[in-house]
C-alpha cells in the first residue's frame, strides 16, 4: 500500500544562533528597518526613550528628571471630536494618535527617512 504524499518529509535542521543578538533583534522588526535615523544616532537621541518630564524610580522611590516635555495643545470642541473619532477608528489613544501623526508629518517635512 502507498505511504501517501508525506512520506518524504523530514525534520528541519536547527539554525545556529546569530553571533550578534542586536543585529538579529533589529532585523526581526516587522518592517525590517532600523529604528533610529542617522541624525538621531549622531546626536545620541533615542526615539524609544521614556516620554514625559519625570518618573518615579520603582527601586529608590526618587523622582528621575527626563529630557522630554509635556506639551499642552488647546483644542476646540470640533477639533477634539474629529481627532478623538480618528484616534478611536485607528485603535489608538488620543495622545498617541496626535503624537504619531505629528511625527509622520515632521519626518516628511524634514525629509527624514528610516534607514534599512
C-alpha atoms as a PDB file:
ATOM      1  CA  UNK A   1       0.000   0.000   0.000  1.00  0.00           C
ATOM      2  CA  UNK A   2       1.175   3.539  -0.801  1.00  0.00           C
ATOM      3  CA  UNK A   3       2.585   5.587   2.128  1.00  0.00           C
ATOM      4  CA  UNK A   4       0.948   8.794   0.901  1.00  0.00           C
ATOM      5  CA  UNK A   5       2.361  12.120  -0.204  1.00  0.00           C
ATOM      6  CA  UNK A   6       4.089  12.957   3.098  1.00  0.00           C
ATOM      7  CA  UNK A   7       6.499  10.039   3.381  1.00  0.00           C
ATOM      8  CA  UNK A   8       9.495  12.095   2.228  1.00  0.00           C
ATOM      9  CA  UNK A   9       9.098  14.862   4.857  1.00  0.00           C
ATOM     10  CA  UNK A  10      11.916  15.155   7.387  1.00  0.00           C
ATOM     11  CA  UNK A  11      12.668  17.406  10.354  1.00  0.00           C
ATOM     12  CA  UNK A  12      14.303  20.720   9.598  1.00  0.00           C
ATOM     13  CA  UNK A  13      17.816  21.212  10.883  1.00  0.00           C
ATOM     14  CA  UNK A  14      18.159  23.861  13.590  1.00  0.00           C
ATOM     15  CA  UNK A  15      19.997  27.028  12.632  1.00  0.00           C
ATOM     16  CA  UNK A  16      22.921  28.243  14.704  1.00  0.00           C
ATOM     17  CA  UNK A  17      22.097  31.285  16.869  1.00  0.00           C
ATOM     18  CA  UNK A  18      23.252  34.623  15.427  1.00  0.00           C
ATOM     19  CA  UNK A  19      26.626  35.917  16.567  1.00  0.00           C
ATOM     20  CA  UNK A  20      25.324  39.448  17.222  1.00  0.00           C
ATOM     21  CA  UNK A  21      21.980  39.345  19.043  1.00  0.00           C
ATOM     22  CA  UNK A  22      21.468  43.105  18.465  1.00  0.00           C
ATOM     23  CA  UNK A  23      21.504  42.697  14.697  1.00  0.00           C
ATOM     24  CA  UNK A  24      19.144  39.755  14.990  1.00  0.00           C
ATOM     25  CA  UNK A  25      16.686  41.742  17.116  1.00  0.00           C
ATOM     26  CA  UNK A  26      16.856  44.729  14.766  1.00  0.00           C
ATOM     27  CA  UNK A  27      16.203  42.501  11.758  1.00  0.00           C
ATOM     28  CA  UNK A  28      13.239  40.883  13.494  1.00  0.00           C
ATOM     29  CA  UNK A  29      11.209  44.093  13.391  1.00  0.00           C
ATOM     30  CA  UNK A  30       8.051  43.918  11.329  1.00  0.00           C
ATOM     31  CA  UNK A  31       9.279  46.215   8.566  1.00  0.00           C
ATOM     32  CA  UNK A  32      12.933  45.186   8.945  1.00  0.00           C
ATOM     33  CA  UNK A  33      14.114  48.783   9.216  1.00  0.00           C
ATOM     34  CA  UNK A  34      16.434  50.377  11.701  1.00  0.00           C
ATOM     35  CA  UNK A  35      14.506  52.228  14.417  1.00  0.00           C
ATOM     36  CA  UNK A  36      16.911  55.159  14.590  1.00  0.00           C
ATOM     37  CA  UNK A  37      17.739  57.541  11.812  1.00  0.00           C
ATOM     38  CA  UNK A  38      21.334  58.594  11.162  1.00  0.00           C
ATOM     39  CA  UNK A  39      20.653  62.097  12.538  1.00  0.00           C
ATOM     40  CA  UNK A  40      19.203  60.674  15.767  1.00  0.00           C
ATOM     41  CA  UNK A  41      22.175  58.329  16.181  1.00  0.00           C
ATOM     42  CA  UNK A  42      24.661  61.179  15.634  1.00  0.00           C
ATOM     43  CA  UNK A  43      23.033  63.335  18.322  1.00  0.00           C
ATOM     44  CA  UNK A  44      22.599  60.430  20.737  1.00  0.00           C
ATOM     45  CA  UNK A  45      18.787  60.686  20.571  1.00  0.00           C
ATOM     46  CA  UNK A  46      16.693  57.612  21.246  1.00  0.00           C
ATOM     47  CA  UNK A  47      13.213  57.519  19.642  1.00  0.00           C
ATOM     48  CA  UNK A  48      12.183  54.858  22.173  1.00  0.00           C
ATOM     49  CA  UNK A  49      13.209  56.887  25.224  1.00  0.00           C
ATOM     50  CA  UNK A  50      10.660  57.243  28.042  1.00  0.00           C
ATOM     51  CA  UNK A  51       8.271  60.152  27.460  1.00  0.00           C
ATOM     52  CA  UNK A  52       7.436  62.972  29.859  1.00  0.00           C
ATOM     53  CA  UNK A  53       9.237  65.279  32.276  1.00  0.00           C
ATOM     54  CA  UNK A  54       9.878  62.862  35.144  1.00  0.00           C
ATOM     55  CA  UNK A  55       9.027  59.480  36.585  1.00  0.00           C
ATOM     56  CA  UNK A  56       9.297  57.785  39.960  1.00  0.00           C
ATOM     57  CA  UNK A  57      12.036  55.145  40.149  1.00  0.00           C
ATOM     58  CA  UNK A  58      10.386  51.949  41.463  1.00  0.00           C
ATOM     59  CA  UNK A  59      13.577  50.832  43.251  1.00  0.00           C
ATOM     60  CA  UNK A  60      14.599  54.017  45.048  1.00  0.00           C
ATOM     61  CA  UNK A  61      11.310  55.939  45.057  1.00  0.00           C
ATOM     62  CA  UNK A  62      13.096  59.081  43.830  1.00  0.00           C
ATOM     63  CA  UNK A  63      11.812  61.288  41.013  1.00  0.00           C
ATOM     64  CA  UNK A  64      14.044  60.992  37.938  1.00  0.00           C
ATOM     65  CA  UNK A  65      14.110  64.035  35.626  1.00  0.00           C
ATOM     66  CA  UNK A  66      13.782  63.297  31.908  1.00  0.00           C
ATOM     67  CA  UNK A  67      14.776  65.430  28.927  1.00  0.00           C
ATOM     68  CA  UNK A  68      11.273  65.292  27.409  1.00  0.00           C
ATOM     69  CA  UNK A  69       8.451  67.755  27.754  1.00  0.00           C
ATOM     70  CA  UNK A  70       4.711  67.502  28.291  1.00  0.00           C
ATOM     71  CA  UNK A  71       3.092  69.717  25.663  1.00  0.00           C
ATOM     72  CA  UNK A  72      -0.428  71.071  26.152  1.00  0.00           C
ATOM     73  CA  UNK A  73      -2.413  71.618  22.954  1.00  0.00           C
ATOM     74  CA  UNK A  74      -5.537  73.800  23.123  1.00  0.00           C
ATOM     75  CA  UNK A  75      -8.350  72.297  21.009  1.00  0.00           C
ATOM     76  CA  UNK A  76     -11.887  73.482  20.402  1.00  0.00           C
ATOM     77  CA  UNK A  77     -14.806  71.040  20.570  1.00  0.00           C
ATOM     78  CA  UNK A  78     -14.844  70.465  16.795  1.00  0.00           C
ATOM     79  CA  UNK A  79     -11.114  69.639  16.618  1.00  0.00           C
ATOM     80  CA  UNK A  80     -11.339  67.436  19.707  1.00  0.00           C
ATOM     81  CA  UNK A  81     -14.299  65.497  18.279  1.00  0.00           C
ATOM     82  CA  UNK A  82     -12.638  64.911  14.903  1.00  0.00           C
ATOM     83  CA  UNK A  83      -9.316  63.859  16.442  1.00  0.00           C
ATOM     84  CA  UNK A  84     -10.997  61.613  19.038  1.00  0.00           C
ATOM     85  CA  UNK A  85     -13.055  59.843  16.348  1.00  0.00           C
ATOM     86  CA  UNK A  86      -9.973  59.346  14.151  1.00  0.00           C
ATOM     87  CA  UNK A  87      -7.950  58.033  17.101  1.00  0.00           C
ATOM     88  CA  UNK A  88     -10.722  55.618  18.068  1.00  0.00           C
ATOM     89  CA  UNK A  89     -11.023  54.383  14.472  1.00  0.00           C
ATOM     90  CA  UNK A  90      -7.243  53.854  14.396  1.00  0.00           C
ATOM     91  CA  UNK A  91      -7.342  51.940  17.679  1.00  0.00           C
ATOM     92  CA  UNK A  92      -5.079  54.452  19.438  1.00  0.00           C
ATOM     93  CA  UNK A  93      -5.444  56.790  22.374  1.00  0.00           C
ATOM     94  CA  UNK A  94      -5.862  60.456  21.504  1.00  0.00           C
ATOM     95  CA  UNK A  95      -2.362  61.415  22.692  1.00  0.00           C
ATOM     96  CA  UNK A  96      -0.726  58.515  20.833  1.00  0.00           C
ATOM     97  CA  UNK A  97      -2.676  59.373  17.687  1.00  0.00           C
ATOM     98  CA  UNK A  98      -1.662  63.047  17.807  1.00  0.00           C
ATOM     99  CA  UNK A  99       1.991  62.173  18.532  1.00  0.00           C
ATOM    100  CA  UNK A 100       2.076  59.615  15.678  1.00  0.00           C
ATOM    101  CA  UNK A 101       0.535  61.981  13.131  1.00  0.00           C
ATOM    102  CA  UNK A 102       2.795  64.839  14.243  1.00  0.00           C
ATOM    103  CA  UNK A 103       5.934  62.669  13.965  1.00  0.00           C
ATOM    104  CA  UNK A 104       4.958  61.412  10.494  1.00  0.00           C
ATOM    105  CA  UNK A 105       4.341  64.979   9.336  1.00  0.00           C
ATOM    106  CA  UNK A 106       7.599  66.262  10.846  1.00  0.00           C
ATOM    107  CA  UNK A 107       9.671  63.437   9.302  1.00  0.00           C
ATOM    108  CA  UNK A 108       8.078  64.112   5.912  1.00  0.00           C
ATOM    109  CA  UNK A 109       8.713  67.865   6.235  1.00  0.00           C
ATOM    110  CA  UNK A 110      12.347  67.329   7.282  1.00  0.00           C
ATOM    111  CA  UNK A 111      12.811  64.512   4.760  1.00  0.00           C
ATOM    112  CA  UNK A 112      13.936  62.064   7.435  1.00  0.00           C
ATOM    113  CA  UNK A 113      13.787  58.531   6.100  1.00  0.00           C
ATOM    114  CA  UNK A 114      14.244  55.355   8.098  1.00  0.00           C
ATOM    115  CA  UNK A 115      17.467  53.612   7.130  1.00  0.00           C
ATOM    116  CA  UNK A 116      17.311  49.959   6.117  1.00  0.00           C
END
